[in-house]
Protein backbone atom coordinates (compact mmCIF):
# COMPACT_ATOMS: atom_id res chain seq x y z
CA MET A 1 -1.51 18.42 17.56
CA SER A 2 -0.38 18.41 13.99
CA ASP A 3 -2.14 21.91 13.24
CA ARG A 4 -0.16 23.25 16.35
CA LYS A 5 2.93 21.85 15.20
CA ASP A 6 2.57 23.32 11.74
CA LYS A 7 1.72 26.77 13.07
CA SER A 8 4.92 26.62 15.17
CA ILE A 9 7.12 25.87 12.29
CA ASP A 10 5.42 28.64 10.08
CA ALA A 11 6.06 31.02 13.03
CA LEU A 12 9.66 29.96 12.92
CA VAL A 13 10.04 30.48 9.28
CA GLU A 14 8.55 33.90 9.51
CA ALA A 15 10.74 35.04 12.35
CA ARG A 16 13.85 33.73 10.57
CA SER A 17 12.81 35.56 7.29
CA ALA A 18 12.26 38.74 9.38
CA GLN A 19 15.69 38.28 10.89
CA LEU A 20 17.45 37.70 7.44
CA ALA A 21 15.64 40.76 6.24
CA LYS A 22 17.32 43.03 8.64
CA MET A 23 20.76 41.47 8.03
CA SER A 24 23.54 42.80 5.62
CA MET A 25 25.15 40.36 3.21
CA PRO A 26 28.47 40.28 5.13
CA GLU A 27 26.28 39.26 8.33
CA ARG A 28 24.41 36.54 6.30
CA ILE A 29 27.89 35.14 5.17
CA GLU A 30 28.93 35.08 8.68
CA ARG A 31 25.88 33.41 10.06
CA TRP A 32 26.39 30.67 7.19
CA TRP A 33 29.96 30.06 8.45
CA LEU A 34 28.92 29.76 11.93
CA TRP A 35 26.01 27.26 11.31
CA ASP A 36 26.92 25.70 8.20
CA GLY A 37 30.28 26.21 6.79
CA ARG A 38 32.00 24.95 9.77
CA PHE A 39 30.18 21.39 9.43
CA LEU A 40 31.03 21.48 5.75
CA VAL A 41 34.80 22.16 6.49
CA GLY A 42 34.67 19.10 8.89
CA ALA A 43 32.95 16.87 6.47
CA LEU A 44 35.52 17.81 3.91
CA LYS A 45 38.31 17.06 6.34
CA ARG A 46 36.68 13.72 7.00
CA SER A 47 36.04 12.51 3.94
CA LYS A 48 38.23 10.85 1.15
CA GLU A 49 38.69 12.87 -1.90
CA HIS A 50 37.31 10.37 -4.17
CA SER A 51 34.26 7.81 -3.50
CA PRO A 52 33.00 5.39 -6.18
CA THR A 53 29.60 5.80 -5.30
CA TYR A 54 26.83 8.38 -3.96
CA LEU A 55 26.11 5.53 -1.02
CA GLU A 56 29.49 5.57 0.04
CA ALA A 57 29.64 9.56 -0.42
CA LEU A 58 26.68 10.05 2.10
CA ALA A 59 27.92 7.70 4.58
CA VAL A 60 31.50 9.37 4.79
CA ALA A 61 29.88 12.71 4.84
CA SER A 62 27.64 12.22 7.62
CA GLY A 63 30.31 10.52 9.91
CA ASP A 64 28.34 7.00 9.62
CA LEU A 65 31.27 5.28 7.88
CA VAL A 66 34.91 6.35 8.65
CA PHE A 67 38.20 4.64 7.03
CA GLU A 68 41.01 4.75 9.39
CA ALA A 69 44.49 5.17 8.23
CA ASP A 70 45.17 1.39 8.12
CA GLY A 71 42.04 0.96 6.04
CA PHE A 72 39.76 -0.11 8.94
CA ALA A 73 36.19 0.69 8.51
CA ARG A 74 34.18 1.73 11.36
CA VAL A 75 30.34 1.59 10.80
CA SER A 76 27.70 3.10 12.82
CA ASP A 77 24.60 0.92 13.75
CA GLU A 78 22.24 3.30 11.82
CA PHE A 79 24.16 2.96 8.38
CA LEU A 80 24.72 -0.67 8.94
CA GLU A 81 20.98 -1.20 9.30
CA ALA A 82 20.22 0.98 6.04
CA LEU A 83 22.96 -0.95 4.02
CA GLU A 84 21.76 -4.53 5.01
CA SER A 85 18.39 -3.23 3.44
CA PHE A 86 19.85 -1.50 0.66
CA SER A 87 22.20 -4.44 -0.16
CA ARG A 88 19.39 -6.39 -1.00
CA HIS A 89 18.20 -4.60 -4.06
CA SER A 90 21.30 -2.43 -4.93
CA SER A 91 24.55 -3.85 -6.70
CA ALA A 92 26.45 -0.71 -5.11
CA GLY A 93 25.02 -1.11 -1.93
CA PHE A 94 26.18 -4.99 -1.85
CA GLN A 95 29.67 -4.04 -3.35
CA LEU A 96 30.03 -1.69 -0.55
CA ALA A 97 28.96 -3.84 2.34
CA LYS A 98 31.20 -6.76 0.71
CA ARG A 99 34.44 -4.31 0.72
CA ILE A 100 33.96 -3.08 4.23
CA CYS A 101 33.57 -6.62 5.42
CA ILE A 102 36.55 -7.74 3.34
CA PHE A 103 38.71 -4.92 4.69
CA ASN A 104 37.95 -5.33 8.14
CA LEU A 105 38.40 -9.18 8.13
CA ALA A 106 41.92 -8.82 6.37
CA LEU A 107 42.78 -6.71 9.39
CA GLY A 108 41.58 -9.07 11.94
CA ARG A 109 39.26 -6.55 13.31
CA LEU A 110 35.55 -7.07 12.27
CA GLN A 111 33.12 -5.27 14.16
CA SER A 112 30.68 -7.25 16.07
CA ASN A 113 27.87 -5.43 14.49
CA LEU A 114 29.17 -6.58 11.08
CA GLN A 115 29.50 -10.19 11.84
CA PRO A 116 26.17 -11.37 10.94
CA LEU A 117 26.49 -9.47 7.65
CA ALA A 118 29.98 -10.63 6.77
CA ALA A 119 28.96 -14.34 7.46
CA LEU A 120 26.39 -14.32 4.94
CA ILE A 121 28.45 -12.43 2.35
CA MET A 122 31.25 -14.59 2.81
CA ALA A 123 29.19 -17.89 2.70
CA GLY A 124 27.78 -16.79 -0.43
CA GLU A 125 24.08 -16.91 0.99
CA TRP A 126 23.70 -13.04 -0.09
CA LYS A 127 24.06 -12.54 -3.53
CA GLN A 128 24.73 -9.48 -5.36
CA PRO A 129 21.70 -8.02 -7.16
CA ARG A 130 22.21 -7.20 -10.67
CA PRO A 131 23.38 -3.80 -11.67
CA GLY A 132 20.92 -1.40 -12.34
CA LYS A 133 21.34 2.18 -13.68
CA GLY A 134 23.22 3.59 -10.79
CA HIS A 135 25.80 6.39 -10.97
CA THR A 136 29.52 5.66 -10.41
CA SER A 137 31.16 8.80 -11.10
CA LYS A 138 34.53 9.16 -8.75
CA ASN A 139 33.36 12.46 -7.92
CA TRP A 140 30.21 11.65 -6.24
CA GLN A 141 31.63 12.46 -3.01
CA ARG A 142 32.74 15.99 -3.98
CA ASP A 143 29.61 16.76 -6.12
CA LEU A 144 27.69 15.71 -2.89
CA LEU A 145 29.48 18.12 -0.62
CA LEU A 146 29.23 20.93 -3.03
CA VAL A 147 25.58 20.68 -3.71
CA ARG A 148 24.80 20.18 -0.08
CA GLY A 149 26.99 23.34 0.99
CA ILE A 150 25.46 25.60 -1.81
CA ALA A 151 21.85 24.60 -0.96
CA SER A 152 22.72 25.46 2.79
CA SER A 153 23.64 28.81 1.59
CA ALA A 154 20.31 29.62 0.47
CA LYS A 155 18.85 29.45 3.60
CA PHE A 156 20.55 32.88 4.40
CA GLY A 157 19.58 34.46 1.40
CA ILE A 158 22.86 33.90 -0.56
CA SER A 159 22.49 33.14 -4.18
CA ALA A 160 23.82 30.13 -5.32
CA THR A 161 25.62 31.53 -8.47
CA ARG A 162 26.70 34.98 -9.62
CA ASN A 163 27.63 36.82 -12.95
CA GLU A 164 31.01 36.54 -14.07
CA ALA A 165 31.70 40.39 -13.66
CA SER A 166 29.95 40.61 -10.22
CA ASP A 167 32.13 40.92 -6.86
CA ASN A 168 29.22 39.46 -4.91
CA ILE A 169 29.88 36.31 -2.92
CA SER A 170 27.78 33.24 -3.81
CA GLY A 171 27.05 29.86 -2.51
CA CYS A 172 29.62 28.37 -5.14
CA ASP A 173 32.36 31.08 -3.80
CA LEU A 174 31.57 29.81 -0.24
CA VAL A 175 31.96 26.17 -0.90
CA ILE A 176 35.22 26.70 -2.59
CA GLU A 177 36.56 28.67 0.47
CA ALA A 178 35.28 25.50 2.66
CA PHE A 179 37.24 23.23 0.40
CA GLU A 180 40.35 25.52 0.85
CA GLU A 181 40.17 25.68 4.48
CA ALA A 182 39.84 22.12 4.80
CA GLY A 183 42.92 21.78 2.61
CA ARG A 184 41.56 19.73 0.19
CA ARG A 185 43.77 19.01 -3.02
CA ASP A 186 40.75 18.54 -5.03
CA THR A 187 39.41 22.13 -4.58
CA PRO A 188 37.41 23.07 -7.78
CA THR A 189 37.28 26.16 -9.79
CA TYR A 190 34.44 28.51 -9.64
CA ASP A 191 33.17 27.34 -13.26
CA ALA A 192 33.46 23.54 -12.07
CA VAL A 193 31.24 24.50 -8.94
CA LYS A 194 28.53 25.93 -10.97
CA LYS A 195 28.40 23.21 -13.36
CA VAL A 196 28.12 20.54 -10.70
CA TRP A 197 25.42 22.72 -9.14
CA GLN A 198 23.49 22.91 -12.14
CA ARG A 199 23.66 19.08 -13.15
CA ARG A 200 23.63 17.54 -9.77
CA ARG A 201 21.42 19.11 -7.54
CA GLU A 202 18.10 17.83 -8.70
CA LEU A 203 19.72 14.39 -9.02
CA ILE A 204 21.53 14.19 -5.58
CA ALA A 205 18.15 15.43 -3.91
CA ASP A 206 15.74 13.36 -5.83
CA HIS A 207 17.34 10.27 -6.70
CA GLU A 208 15.77 7.28 -4.76
CA GLU A 209 19.04 5.76 -4.01
CA VAL A 210 19.91 8.81 -2.19
CA GLU A 211 16.62 9.01 0.13
CA PHE A 212 17.47 6.17 2.38
CA LEU A 213 20.20 7.98 4.07
CA VAL A 214 19.76 11.47 5.18
CA TYR A 215 22.87 13.93 5.26
CA ARG A 216 23.57 14.72 8.77
CA GLN A 217 25.52 17.82 9.78
CA SER A 218 25.97 17.01 13.17
CA VAL A 219 29.61 16.25 13.85
CA ASP A 220 31.99 19.21 14.86
CA PRO A 221 34.90 19.88 12.71
């Protein structure tokens, strides 16, 4: 069964490559907007402009954590399960869980799925792990979305970056357009996007504290 599945995947990859080879660059860009760009715009509209950790950035980008206008934090069951596990050995995870519970308790609207976790934290039975070497850049939210958007453009044969003198459209350019379409006030410049891509792509993709939650582009903008 596994061999049959692998062959099916290989066949799909070959068919996709053959289809891309017949497309012009404008057609590839149009296809990116259809399949990935619109989801990126939706994630940018849903997300806050700054997020203190990669953990919150991933949850907000995927729609598993939504902060409403009054500060209420709506948490999916899937994310809560991951957060409970992560909070036991991650200081960042514990802080996020505690903040969500405090926000919702203050509003008198604690979700039923959060009640057991809130009880443990408020009673002091769940202690904060010692801080490790985590990353707390305020731009994790932005950087995550930038990297994911650029990486998705590569599936359509679009180069991540371009030469300064070139008029070609790169993945960096597409991401900037998505930020503008989403009405973000923190839309970065091309040089800033390129720098983030070069600095963050491997860190965001490979960091063990990112792997527990998969970025999902499954919510329509």
